[in-house]
């Protein structure tokens, strides 16, 4: 099986992935078409929510929108997911594998240089991959654990041998943690990459400025002279910055203001459906959530339809307490939708030996736009079930370091992943550093490993359906809704398109657009 820049659809799997991506994208009202030729010049100003004073460019711990977007400005990945949800070559120019998908050979793109003038080679790729292997604290540790060996075949060829086969390995390597830095690089405050822009100044959690890489290797990209990123975590301030012309583009719109912004003749709204979902996280290692009955009670005490209608104003779909979206080819359509049922929640509390339950829910709009409002909606819905929820509002700055993965009950989001295997591995494998409910199930881990090695589509589907059922029934994530990605952009920004992976064109808007 070989793929390059012109022949990439790997059988029916690739075709299905492409179809899913196309059906998931829309434009409000209409968007620019690709036939317009890019123009050079100008300063692109972006107002991005999801930044903190603790941010840097350490690839092992990228975890929010500002560091991810800025990382893509400076560095390239090995594989890129395009607007049709297809894996395309980036610094890996092509790849091939044999039967069983255990051994893969990747050709490293030639003629690419880092910002410091060093020529990209296999050594840089291997070093960057190894950052996430072994005893690494990387968020991609569980994914990289599947790499039994990463071997240099030549200056421009790398062989990855997997512990067990994975037909989706190119998709796995598109993860934003697998960006590439020079061999031996460690100075994460002063990043060096092969990307479209070079850092000029960086003030974490406040602002940063990047200038065009004059030697950038991708044609038609890196069109603006410079990019300025302003960290604006407050959603109202972010919206006002766009409306006043202070910035050209913002991410994660307030669902309540989308219709108003769409009527502004100077702005356009970009709406993308994908795997983004919002979570109420129960730490399965902390009381009272060590009891499955309590977790079941919490899940039955949420009014999903009300949350979707009130918190997201319909810009999304219902969630069913597992992370796989309806656009994924392995979505379990036969799993019954969990309904709001206060009486059933009471039943599960009694099974846990409780007459009622008092919980503190730690929340912040850093988790997602409207998270605090969603928490209030849940508190009201949970009361008839005998669940008394106190909302503890947390500051956006430091939320991911101080609350997420630490609090017994808190709110979060996931941006989704291009394949079911990636999403299930990074968030639910017991070995994952980002298993944010700390739920561990040996049968789940075993089946997950078994599924990714199968080339039989039907057998894989059966296993992924079972894995979704296990998370739905036993897991610590209450997932009431999937939210559309909603960005606002000035009409001065050309070349913007929807994307199934994350806000702002899969976090690559700065690389792709130009100013008209």
Protein backbone atom coordinates (compact mmCIF):
# COMPACT_ATOMS: atom_id res chain seq x y z
CA UNK A 1 0.00 0.00 0.00
CA UNK A 2 1.69 3.21 -1.13
CA UNK A 3 0.43 6.75 -1.07
CA UNK A 4 1.74 10.05 -2.31
CA UNK A 5 0.38 13.51 -3.01
CA UNK A 6 -1.70 12.43 -5.99
CA UNK A 7 -2.95 8.99 -4.98
CA UNK A 8 -4.19 8.98 -1.42
CA UNK A 9 -7.56 7.33 -1.06
CA UNK A 10 -6.79 4.02 0.56
CA UNK A 11 -9.66 1.87 -0.67
CA UNK A 12 -13.16 2.23 0.71
CA UNK A 13 -11.80 3.46 4.05
CA UNK A 14 -10.40 6.57 2.43
CA UNK A 15 -13.51 7.18 0.35
CA UNK A 16 -15.74 6.94 3.39
CA UNK A 17 -13.55 9.32 5.34
CA UNK A 18 -13.73 11.81 2.50
CA UNK A 19 -17.50 11.54 2.23
CA UNK A 20 -17.90 12.07 5.96
CA UNK A 21 -15.77 15.19 5.87
CA UNK A 22 -17.68 16.69 2.95
CA UNK A 23 -21.06 16.12 4.52
CA UNK A 24 -19.94 17.70 7.76
CA UNK A 25 -19.02 21.15 6.46
CA UNK A 26 -21.11 24.19 5.74
CA UNK A 27 -20.78 27.93 5.26
CA UNK A 28 -22.77 30.83 6.69
CA UNK A 29 -23.85 32.35 4.39
CA UNK A 30 -21.45 31.73 1.50
CA UNK A 31 -17.69 31.45 1.36
CA UNK A 32 -14.92 32.33 -0.99
CA UNK A 33 -14.07 29.70 -3.57
CA UNK A 34 -10.64 28.22 -4.18
CA UNK A 35 -10.25 29.66 -7.69
CA UNK A 36 -9.13 33.05 -6.30
CA UNK A 37 -5.35 33.32 -6.50
CA UNK A 38 -3.52 33.99 -3.22
CA UNK A 39 -1.94 37.42 -2.78
CA UNK A 40 1.17 38.28 -0.80
CA UNK A 41 1.45 40.93 1.91
CA UNK A 42 -0.17 42.42 4.97
CA UNK A 43 -0.48 41.73 8.67
CA UNK A 44 -3.01 39.10 9.76
CA UNK A 45 -4.35 39.69 13.26
CA UNK A 46 -5.98 36.79 15.09
CA UNK A 47 -7.87 36.90 18.39
CA UNK A 48 -7.72 33.40 19.84
CA UNK A 49 -9.28 32.07 23.02
CA UNK A 50 -7.60 29.20 24.80
CA UNK A 51 -4.30 30.61 25.97
CA UNK A 52 -2.47 30.79 29.28
CA UNK A 53 0.60 32.41 30.79
CA UNK A 54 1.94 28.88 31.31
CA UNK A 55 1.93 28.10 27.55
CA UNK A 56 5.06 27.24 25.62
CA UNK A 57 5.85 25.23 22.48
CA UNK A 58 6.68 21.93 24.17
CA UNK A 59 5.15 19.42 21.76
CA UNK A 60 4.57 16.96 24.57
CA UNK A 61 2.03 19.14 26.35
CA UNK A 62 0.15 21.11 23.70
CA UNK A 63 -3.40 21.18 25.03
CA UNK A 64 -5.33 24.29 23.99
CA UNK A 65 -6.18 26.45 21.01
CA UNK A 66 -3.54 29.19 21.29
CA UNK A 67 -0.49 26.90 21.69
CA UNK A 68 -1.77 24.54 18.98
CA UNK A 69 -2.41 27.33 16.45
CA UNK A 70 0.94 28.93 17.20
CA UNK A 71 2.74 25.61 16.95
CA UNK A 72 1.34 25.11 13.44
CA UNK A 73 2.61 28.57 12.51
CA UNK A 74 6.16 27.60 13.44
CA UNK A 75 6.31 23.87 12.75
CA UNK A 76 5.03 21.29 10.27
CA UNK A 77 3.57 17.90 10.93
CA UNK A 78 4.38 14.59 9.34
CA UNK A 79 0.90 14.17 7.89
CA UNK A 80 -1.87 16.72 7.35
CA UNK A 81 -5.62 16.13 7.48
CA UNK A 82 -7.29 18.04 4.66
CA UNK A 83 -10.76 19.57 4.46
CA UNK A 84 -12.17 16.25 3.25
CA UNK A 85 -10.76 14.43 6.33
CA UNK A 86 -8.14 12.67 4.18
CA UNK A 87 -4.57 12.09 5.37
CA UNK A 88 -2.19 14.01 3.07
CA UNK A 89 1.62 14.00 3.03
CA UNK A 90 3.40 16.84 4.80
CA UNK A 91 6.98 16.28 6.01
CA UNK A 92 6.40 12.63 5.22
CA UNK A 93 6.24 12.76 1.43
CA UNK A 94 4.93 9.21 0.91
CA UNK A 95 4.50 5.92 2.71
CA UNK A 96 4.00 2.22 2.18
CA UNK A 97 3.08 -0.80 4.26
CA UNK A 98 2.57 -4.50 3.79
CA UNK A 99 -0.05 -7.01 4.82
CA UNK A 100 -1.00 -6.60 8.45
CA UNK A 101 0.05 -2.93 8.54
CA UNK A 102 2.77 -3.60 11.12
CA UNK A 103 5.82 -2.29 9.23
CA UNK A 104 5.64 1.12 7.56
CA UNK A 105 8.29 2.91 5.51
CA UNK A 106 8.00 6.69 5.22
CA UNK A 107 9.95 8.91 2.84
CA UNK A 108 11.05 12.19 4.40
CA UNK A 109 10.47 15.22 2.20
CA UNK A 110 13.68 16.57 0.69
CA UNK A 111 14.63 20.19 0.17
CA UNK A 112 13.02 21.44 3.40
CA UNK A 113 15.00 23.62 5.80
CA UNK A 114 14.47 24.70 9.39
CA UNK A 115 14.39 28.37 10.33
CA UNK A 116 18.01 28.11 11.46
CA UNK A 117 19.11 26.84 8.04
CA UNK A 118 19.45 23.17 8.97
CA UNK A 119 18.22 20.73 6.30
CA UNK A 120 15.42 18.40 7.38
CA UNK A 121 16.51 14.76 7.67
CA UNK A 122 15.36 11.46 9.11
CA UNK A 123 17.25 12.23 12.33
CA UNK A 124 14.96 15.19 13.05
CA UNK A 125 11.86 13.10 12.45
CA UNK A 126 13.09 10.28 14.68
CA UNK A 127 14.03 12.68 17.48
CA UNK A 128 10.62 14.36 17.30
CA UNK A 129 8.79 11.02 17.41
CA UNK A 130 10.92 9.78 20.30
CA UNK A 131 9.91 12.78 22.41
CA UNK A 132 6.64 10.93 22.97
CA UNK A 133 8.00 7.44 23.58
CA UNK A 134 9.18 5.57 26.64
CA UNK A 135 8.89 7.35 29.98
CA UNK A 136 7.83 10.58 28.34
CA UNK A 137 5.21 12.75 30.01
CA UNK A 138 3.78 13.47 26.55
CA UNK A 139 0.05 13.67 26.02
CA UNK A 140 0.68 11.43 23.00
CA UNK A 141 2.50 8.81 25.07
CA UNK A 142 -0.24 6.20 24.73
CA UNK A 143 -0.30 6.65 20.95
CA UNK A 144 3.49 6.51 20.63
CA UNK A 145 3.56 3.42 22.84
CA UNK A 146 2.42 1.49 19.77
CA UNK A 147 5.76 2.28 18.07
CA UNK A 148 7.84 -0.82 18.82
CA UNK A 149 10.74 0.62 16.83
CA UNK A 150 11.52 3.80 14.91
CA UNK A 151 14.48 3.16 12.63
CA UNK A 152 16.53 5.29 10.24
CA UNK A 153 16.87 3.60 6.85
CA UNK A 154 18.62 6.54 5.21
CA UNK A 155 18.81 10.31 5.52
CA UNK A 156 15.40 10.45 3.89
CA UNK A 157 13.64 7.27 4.98
CA UNK A 158 12.19 6.15 8.31
CA UNK A 159 10.77 2.76 9.21
CA UNK A 160 8.16 2.51 11.97
CA UNK A 161 7.47 -0.96 13.29
CA UNK A 162 4.32 -1.25 15.36
CA UNK A 163 3.69 -3.54 18.29
CA UNK A 164 0.54 -4.56 16.40
CA UNK A 165 -0.84 -3.53 13.06
CA UNK A 166 -2.66 -0.24 12.50
CA UNK A 167 -4.18 0.52 9.11
CA UNK A 168 -4.76 4.12 10.26
CA UNK A 169 -1.14 4.97 11.11
CA UNK A 170 -0.92 7.96 8.72
CA UNK A 171 -3.97 9.43 10.47
CA UNK A 172 -2.36 8.77 13.84
CA UNK A 173 0.74 10.69 12.74
CA UNK A 174 -1.38 13.74 11.91
CA UNK A 175 -1.78 14.42 15.64
CA UNK A 176 -0.56 17.94 16.45
CA UNK A 177 1.82 16.57 19.07
CA UNK A 178 3.83 14.96 16.25
CA UNK A 179 5.19 18.22 14.86
CA UNK A 180 8.86 18.25 13.94
CA UNK A 181 11.79 20.09 15.51
CA UNK A 182 15.53 19.73 14.87
CA UNK A 183 17.38 16.76 16.32
CA UNK A 184 18.27 17.46 19.95
CA UNK A 185 16.09 20.59 20.25
CA UNK A 186 15.00 21.50 23.83
CA UNK A 187 14.40 25.27 24.05
CA UNK A 188 10.58 25.30 23.99
CA UNK A 189 10.35 29.01 24.71
CA UNK A 190 12.22 29.76 21.46
CA UNK A 191 10.83 27.28 18.93
CA UNK A 192 12.51 26.35 15.66
CA UNK A 193 10.60 24.57 12.93
CA UNK A 194 10.14 24.24 9.19
CA UNK A 195 6.78 26.04 9.32
CA UNK A 196 5.35 29.03 7.47
CA UNK A 197 6.31 31.65 10.06
CA UNK A 198 9.24 32.51 12.32
CA UNK A 199 8.64 33.78 15.88
CA UNK A 200 9.50 37.43 16.35
CA UNK A 201 8.15 37.97 19.88
CA UNK A 202 6.20 35.77 22.26
CA UNK A 203 4.49 36.83 25.49
CA UNK A 204 2.69 33.70 26.74
CA UNK A 205 -0.98 34.18 27.44
CA UNK A 206 -0.91 37.73 26.05
CA UNK A 207 0.29 38.09 22.47
CA UNK A 208 2.81 36.88 19.92
CA UNK A 209 4.07 37.97 16.52
CA UNK A 210 5.38 35.80 13.69
CA UNK A 211 6.97 36.83 10.38
CA UNK A 212 6.86 34.97 7.08
CA UNK A 213 9.42 32.25 6.51
CA UNK A 214 11.01 33.39 3.21
CA UNK A 215 12.12 29.82 2.45
CA UNK A 216 8.79 28.12 3.11
CA UNK A 217 8.46 24.99 1.00
CA UNK A 218 4.66 24.84 0.45
CA UNK A 219 3.44 26.65 -2.68
CA UNK A 220 0.54 29.07 -2.21
CA UNK A 221 0.99 29.24 1.56
CA UNK A 222 2.52 31.72 4.04
CA UNK A 223 0.95 34.56 2.09
CA UNK A 224 0.84 37.31 4.72
CA UNK A 225 3.96 39.16 5.79
CA UNK A 226 3.26 38.64 9.47
CA UNK A 227 0.75 37.19 11.92
CA UNK A 228 -0.12 38.73 15.25
CA UNK A 229 -1.88 36.54 17.79
CA UNK A 230 -3.73 38.27 20.60
CA UNK A 231 -4.88 35.96 23.38
CA UNK A 232 -8.48 36.87 24.19
CA UNK A 233 -9.99 34.27 26.47
CA UNK A 234 -13.10 36.29 27.28
CA UNK A 235 -15.60 35.47 24.57
CA UNK A 236 -17.37 38.85 24.68
CA UNK A 237 -14.06 40.68 24.33
CA UNK A 238 -13.06 38.34 21.50
CA UNK A 239 -16.31 39.04 19.66
CA UNK A 240 -15.98 42.80 20.15
CA UNK A 241 -12.42 42.69 18.81
CA UNK A 242 -13.70 41.11 15.60
CA UNK A 243 -16.65 43.48 15.23
CA UNK A 244 -14.47 46.56 15.81
CA UNK A 245 -11.84 45.42 13.30
CA UNK A 246 -9.12 44.98 15.91
CA UNK A 247 -8.61 41.42 14.63
CA UNK A 248 -9.38 39.63 11.37
CA UNK A 249 -10.39 36.25 12.77
CA UNK A 250 -11.54 34.69 16.02
CA UNK A 251 -12.26 31.16 17.15
CA UNK A 252 -14.96 29.53 19.27
CA UNK A 253 -17.82 31.95 18.79
CA UNK A 254 -20.44 32.43 21.46
CA UNK A 255 -23.37 30.38 20.20
CA UNK A 256 -25.72 33.13 21.40
CA UNK A 257 -24.16 35.75 19.10
CA UNK A 258 -23.73 33.72 15.89
CA UNK A 259 -26.95 34.88 14.23
CA UNK A 260 -26.17 38.52 15.08
CA UNK A 261 -22.65 38.29 13.69
CA UNK A 262 -23.92 36.62 10.52
CA UNK A 263 -25.93 39.77 9.74
CA UNK A 264 -22.79 41.94 9.79
CA UNK A 265 -21.95 42.72 6.16
CA UNK A 266 -18.23 42.88 6.94
CA UNK A 267 -18.02 39.43 8.54
CA UNK A 268 -18.58 35.82 7.69
CA UNK A 269 -19.21 32.81 9.91
CA UNK A 270 -17.47 29.53 9.21
CA UNK A 271 -19.34 26.51 10.59
CA UNK A 272 -17.80 23.04 10.59
CA UNK A 273 -19.23 19.84 11.98
CA UNK A 274 -16.81 17.28 13.37
CA UNK A 275 -15.80 15.48 16.50
CA UNK A 276 -15.76 18.43 18.92
CA UNK A 277 -17.65 17.43 22.04
CA UNK A 278 -18.23 18.88 25.48
CA UNK A 279 -17.72 16.85 28.62
CA UNK A 280 -18.66 16.72 32.28
CA UNK A 281 -15.75 14.73 33.69
CA UNK A 282 -16.09 12.40 36.67
CA UNK A 283 -12.76 11.14 38.05
CA UNK A 284 -13.31 7.41 38.41
CA UNK A 285 -10.55 7.20 41.03
CA UNK A 286 -12.13 9.76 43.39
CA UNK A 287 -15.23 9.32 45.54
CA UNK A 288 -18.13 9.29 44.91
CA UNK A 289 -17.38 8.52 41.24
CA UNK A 290 -15.61 5.26 42.05
CA UNK A 291 -19.17 3.87 42.21
CA UNK A 292 -20.60 3.06 38.78
CA UNK A 293 -24.11 3.70 40.13
CA UNK A 294 -23.19 7.31 40.90
CA UNK A 295 -21.80 7.79 37.41
CA UNK A 296 -25.01 6.38 35.94
CA UNK A 297 -27.09 8.73 38.11
CA UNK A 298 -25.14 11.76 36.90
CA UNK A 299 -25.61 10.74 33.26
CA UNK A 300 -29.39 10.31 33.64
CA UNK A 301 -29.75 13.70 35.33
CA UNK A 302 -28.82 15.82 32.31
CA UNK A 303 -31.40 17.24 29.89
CA UNK A 304 -29.44 16.96 26.67
CA UNK A 305 -32.10 18.46 24.42
CA UNK A 306 -32.33 21.52 26.65
CA UNK A 307 -28.55 21.92 26.72
CA UNK A 308 -28.30 21.67 22.93
CA UNK A 309 -31.12 24.16 22.46
CA UNK A 310 -30.15 26.62 25.20
CA UNK A 311 -26.36 26.42 25.50
CA UNK A 312 -25.55 25.78 21.83
CA UNK A 313 -28.69 27.25 20.24
CA UNK A 314 -28.89 24.20 18.02
CA UNK A 315 -25.36 24.51 16.60
CA UNK A 316 -24.51 20.89 17.28
CA UNK A 317 -25.94 17.42 17.86
CA UNK A 318 -26.90 15.34 20.88
CA UNK A 319 -24.17 13.37 22.60
CA UNK A 320 -24.61 9.89 24.04
CA UNK A 321 -21.79 9.64 26.58
CA UNK A 322 -19.15 8.41 24.15
CA UNK A 323 -16.79 10.47 21.94
CA UNK A 324 -17.48 9.16 18.43
CA UNK A 325 -19.53 11.57 16.24
CA UNK A 326 -22.25 10.61 13.77
CA UNK A 327 -19.90 11.60 10.92
CA UNK A 328 -17.46 8.81 11.83
CA UNK A 329 -17.80 5.60 9.82
CA UNK A 330 -17.61 3.58 13.04
CA UNK A 331 -20.34 5.50 14.88
CA UNK A 332 -22.59 3.08 16.81
CA UNK A 333 -26.01 4.00 15.43
CA UNK A 334 -27.72 1.15 17.29
CA UNK A 335 -26.78 2.39 20.76
CA UNK A 336 -29.92 3.79 22.35
CA UNK A 337 -29.83 7.50 23.10
CA UNK A 338 -29.70 8.08 26.86
CA UNK A 339 -32.65 10.23 27.92
CA UNK A 340 -33.21 12.67 30.77
CA UNK A 341 -34.74 10.56 33.53
CA UNK A 342 -34.60 11.94 37.10
CA UNK A 343 -36.39 8.88 38.46
CA UNK A 344 -33.81 6.55 36.97
CA UNK A 345 -31.08 8.77 38.43
CA UNK A 346 -32.73 8.39 41.87
CA UNK A 347 -32.80 4.62 41.34
CA UNK A 348 -29.06 4.51 40.72
CA UNK A 349 -28.39 6.68 43.78
CA UNK A 350 -30.37 4.22 45.89
CA UNK A 351 -28.31 1.40 44.36
CA UNK A 352 -25.28 3.29 45.65
CA UNK A 353 -26.89 3.52 49.10
CA UNK A 354 -27.64 7.24 48.82
CA UNK A 355 -30.82 9.26 49.33
CA UNK A 356 -29.25 12.24 47.62
CA UNK A 357 -25.93 13.53 46.35
CA UNK A 358 -24.05 16.80 46.80
CA UNK A 359 -21.51 17.63 44.11
CA UNK A 360 -19.18 20.53 43.34
CA UNK A 361 -18.81 21.11 39.60
CA UNK A 362 -15.76 23.14 38.66
CA UNK A 363 -16.38 25.08 35.47
CA UNK A 364 -14.97 27.81 33.30
CA UNK A 365 -15.67 29.17 29.84
CA UNK A 366 -12.10 28.07 29.13
CA UNK A 367 -13.63 24.61 28.82
CA UNK A 368 -15.91 25.74 25.99
CA UNK A 369 -18.03 28.78 25.11
CA UNK A 370 -21.01 28.79 27.44
CA UNK A 371 -19.64 26.13 29.79
CA UNK A 372 -20.70 28.05 32.91
CA UNK A 373 -24.21 28.48 31.49
CA UNK A 374 -24.28 24.76 30.66
CA UNK A 375 -23.27 23.99 34.24
CA UNK A 376 -26.22 26.05 35.51
CA UNK A 377 -28.59 24.20 33.17
CA UNK A 378 -27.30 20.90 34.49
CA UNK A 379 -27.68 22.04 38.11
CA UNK A 380 -31.36 22.83 37.51
CA UNK A 381 -32.01 19.54 35.69
CA UNK A 382 -30.22 17.47 38.33
CA UNK A 383 -32.17 18.85 41.29
CA UNK A 384 -35.32 16.71 40.75
CA UNK A 385 -33.05 13.65 40.80
CA UNK A 386 -31.81 14.54 44.27
CA UNK A 387 -28.44 15.75 43.00
CA UNK A 388 -27.47 19.09 44.54
CA UNK A 389 -24.82 20.74 42.35
CA UNK A 390 -22.68 23.66 43.51
CA UNK A 391 -20.92 25.42 40.65
CA UNK A 392 -17.38 26.58 41.36
CA UNK A 393 -16.40 29.03 38.64
CA UNK A 394 -12.70 28.89 37.82
CA UNK A 395 -10.52 31.48 36.02
CA UNK A 396 -9.66 30.72 32.42
CA UNK A 397 -5.96 31.28 32.99
CA UNK A 398 -4.43 28.12 34.36
CA UNK A 399 -7.64 26.06 34.07
CA UNK A 400 -5.92 23.25 32.17
CA UNK A 401 -3.04 23.09 34.63
CA UNK A 402 -4.95 23.53 37.88
CA UNK A 403 -8.39 21.96 37.35
CA UNK A 404 -8.48 19.60 34.37
CA UNK A 405 -7.26 16.08 35.19
CA UNK A 406 -7.23 17.04 38.91
CA UNK A 407 -10.76 18.00 40.00
CA UNK A 408 -13.23 15.20 40.91
CA UNK A 409 -15.97 16.78 38.77
CA UNK A 410 -15.21 19.41 36.13
CA UNK A 411 -16.00 20.48 32.59
CA UNK A 412 -13.87 20.11 29.48
CA UNK A 413 -13.98 19.56 25.74
CA UNK A 414 -12.32 17.43 23.10
CA UNK A 415 -11.63 18.63 19.60
CA UNK A 416 -12.13 15.15 18.19
CA UNK A 417 -9.72 13.15 16.08
CA UNK A 418 -9.86 11.99 12.44
CA UNK A 419 -10.30 8.32 13.38
CA UNK A 420 -12.19 6.45 16.08
CA UNK A 421 -9.02 4.67 17.14
CA UNK A 422 -7.20 7.93 17.83
CA UNK A 423 -10.06 9.40 19.83
CA UNK A 424 -10.57 6.28 21.91
CA UNK A 425 -6.84 5.77 22.47
CA UNK A 426 -5.89 9.26 23.56
CA UNK A 427 -8.88 9.84 25.86
CA UNK A 428 -9.87 6.39 27.15
CA UNK A 429 -6.88 4.04 27.00
CA UNK A 430 -5.70 3.37 30.55
CA UNK A 431 -2.13 4.14 29.43
CA UNK A 432 -2.96 7.59 28.05
CA UNK A 433 -1.61 10.67 29.80
CA UNK A 434 -4.81 12.46 28.75
CA UNK A 435 -7.31 9.91 30.04
CA UNK A 436 -9.12 12.70 31.85
CA UNK A 437 -11.66 10.52 33.69
CA UNK A 438 -8.96 8.08 34.85
CA UNK A 439 -11.27 5.26 33.81
CA UNK A 440 -9.36 2.00 33.35
CA UNK A 441 -10.74 -1.19 31.82
CA UNK A 442 -8.45 -4.02 30.75
CA UNK A 443 -11.02 -5.47 28.34
CA UNK A 444 -11.38 -2.07 26.69
CA UNK A 445 -7.61 -1.77 26.22
CA UNK A 446 -7.38 -5.29 24.78
CA UNK A 447 -10.21 -4.77 22.29
CA UNK A 448 -8.84 -1.38 21.25
CA UNK A 449 -5.49 -2.94 20.40
CA UNK A 450 -7.21 -5.77 18.53
CA UNK A 451 -9.39 -3.45 16.43
CA UNK A 452 -6.63 -1.23 15.11
CA UNK A 453 -4.72 -4.20 13.68
CA UNK A 454 -7.68 -5.49 11.66
CA UNK A 455 -8.00 -4.82 7.95
CA UNK A 456 -11.51 -6.33 7.88
CA UNK A 457 -13.85 -3.31 8.02
CA UNK A 458 -16.83 -5.20 9.43
CA UNK A 459 -14.84 -6.80 12.25
CA UNK A 460 -13.37 -3.42 13.17
CA UNK A 461 -16.86 -1.91 13.22
CA UNK A 462 -18.14 -4.58 15.60
CA UNK A 463 -15.33 -3.88 18.05
CA UNK A 464 -15.61 -0.10 17.88
CA UNK A 465 -19.34 -0.37 18.49
CA UNK A 466 -18.63 -2.43 21.60
CA UNK A 467 -16.03 0.08 22.81
CA UNK A 468 -18.55 2.91 22.49
CA UNK A 469 -21.06 0.85 24.47
CA UNK A 470 -18.50 0.26 27.23
CA UNK A 471 -17.74 3.97 27.59
CA UNK A 472 -21.46 4.81 27.43
CA UNK A 473 -22.33 2.28 30.14
CA UNK A 474 -19.31 2.40 32.43
CA UNK A 475 -17.13 5.42 31.68
CA UNK A 476 -16.71 8.60 33.68
CA UNK A 477 -17.46 11.08 30.89
CA UNK A 478 -20.92 12.53 30.62
CA UNK A 479 -21.02 13.82 27.04
CA UNK A 480 -24.34 15.58 26.42
CA UNK A 481 -23.57 17.29 23.12
CA UNK A 482 -21.28 17.74 20.15
CA UNK A 483 -20.74 21.36 19.18
CA UNK A 484 -20.09 22.72 15.71
CA UNK A 485 -16.84 24.60 15.21
CA UNK A 486 -17.80 28.25 14.78
CA UNK A 487 -15.28 30.89 13.68
CA UNK A 488 -15.77 34.51 12.75
CA UNK A 489 -13.65 36.12 10.04
CA UNK A 490 -13.44 39.46 8.33
CA UNK A 491 -14.32 39.47 4.63
CA UNK A 492 -10.86 40.91 4.10
CA UNK A 493 -9.51 37.42 4.83
CA UNK A 494 -9.55 35.25 1.70
CA UNK A 495 -9.16 31.52 1.24
CA UNK A 496 -10.98 30.50 4.42
CA UNK A 497 -12.82 27.18 4.24
CA UNK A 498 -14.54 24.94 6.81
CA UNK A 499 -12.57 22.02 8.22
CA UNK A 500 -13.64 18.92 10.17
CA UNK A 501 -10.62 19.12 12.47
CA UNK A 502 -10.73 21.98 14.99
CA UNK A 503 -11.45 25.68 14.69
CA UNK A 504 -9.60 28.01 12.33
CA UNK A 505 -9.16 25.54 9.46
CA UNK A 506 -7.79 22.79 11.66
CA UNK A 507 -5.60 25.35 13.48
CA UNK A 508 -3.83 26.14 10.19
CA UNK A 509 -5.65 29.30 9.10
CA UNK A 510 -2.57 31.53 9.30
CA UNK A 511 -0.68 29.27 6.89
CA UNK A 512 -3.48 29.09 4.29
CA UNK A 513 -5.16 32.49 3.94
CA UNK A 514 -4.33 35.86 2.43
CA UNK A 515 -5.65 39.41 2.73
CA UNK A 516 -7.69 40.96 -0.04
